[in-house]
Amino acid sequence: MAMLLLMRLMQQVNELPVKPPVTLGLMGLQGWLFMNPPPFLDRVSDVCMSAFSVIQMGELYRIIAASLFHLDAYHLYYNMSSFLVKGVALEQRLGSPLMLAMTLGLLVATNIIHLALSVALDDWMTCSLGFSGVLFALKVIVTYDLQDPNQDAYFYGIRLPSKHLVWVEIAFIQMVMPQASMLGHASGALAGFGFLALRRLAPALLRWVPREAPRTYGSGFWGAPRQQRHQEPTYGNAAPPYGNAAPEPPRARPQPTAPSGASLSADELRRRRVDRYAQSAR
């Protein structure tokens, strides 16, 4: 049965016009771990996550490992089929690097929220396993990023806004499959909403980051923005003391003028008047 489900999943992948590498890589990793579990993680009790195992026993690896392993072939198939649809849409929109970073971040955030809720509800021993929590986080992002959250959707003939569909699905799965981890699914949805809220707050938070204001000393810049820090300082009209430019010669000092008439003696003035009169009489 596992091989039939795997072949059906591969058929869905082959029908894709674009093969998203991150989505397919994560699907392949989880399929490989299901078919070939490491010898030290070959039991469900070795990889499932509970508040007791992580917080009391300090087994932090379960925060990641619990989302990459599955109970059986059906569990793996339905999770990977859902991930294929959501991953293709998001990876084409975001690009592979951001898709990888976002998925890993949501995985960790989902399980941390799950642990916090387990402690708050005093549920230390319930052990969860599977990728479902991450899928609900991705579903929230798809609903608000790729769709209109206020657009009507249909769930088994029931008409409701698509933004409420994630909570209806969580409740429905819990009714049909009581053994499913409702807390894990709800934690994934909360992680998705947290991602959207953080992304909206990021521009506002960046505006609170202090920036260096440009301060001037003379004609140069100190503490200026990066594009101004490498400008050559200017110093009025003075020539630079380096480079190929020749230094400007010193300006000539004004020569002292001849003494004015007020400083001549009376006899000298009388003699000059007589000389001018004699010349004019000729």
Foldseek 3Di string as FASTA:
>chain_A
DLVVLVVVVVVVQVPDPDRQVQLVVLLVQLVCCAVDPPPQQPDLVSQWDFLCCCPVVVPVVNLQRQASYDDDSVQSSVVSVLSVVLVVVVCVVPPRVVSNVVLVVLSNQLSVQLSVVCVVVVNGPDTHHHNLLSSLLSLLCCCVPVHPQQDWDADPNDIDRNNCVLVVVLVVCCVVPVSHDSSSNVSSNVSNVVVVVCVVCVVVVVVPDDAFDWDDDQQATDSHPPVRNPDDGDHPPADDPDDDDDHDDDDDDDDDDDDDPVPDDPVVVVVVVVVVVVVVVD
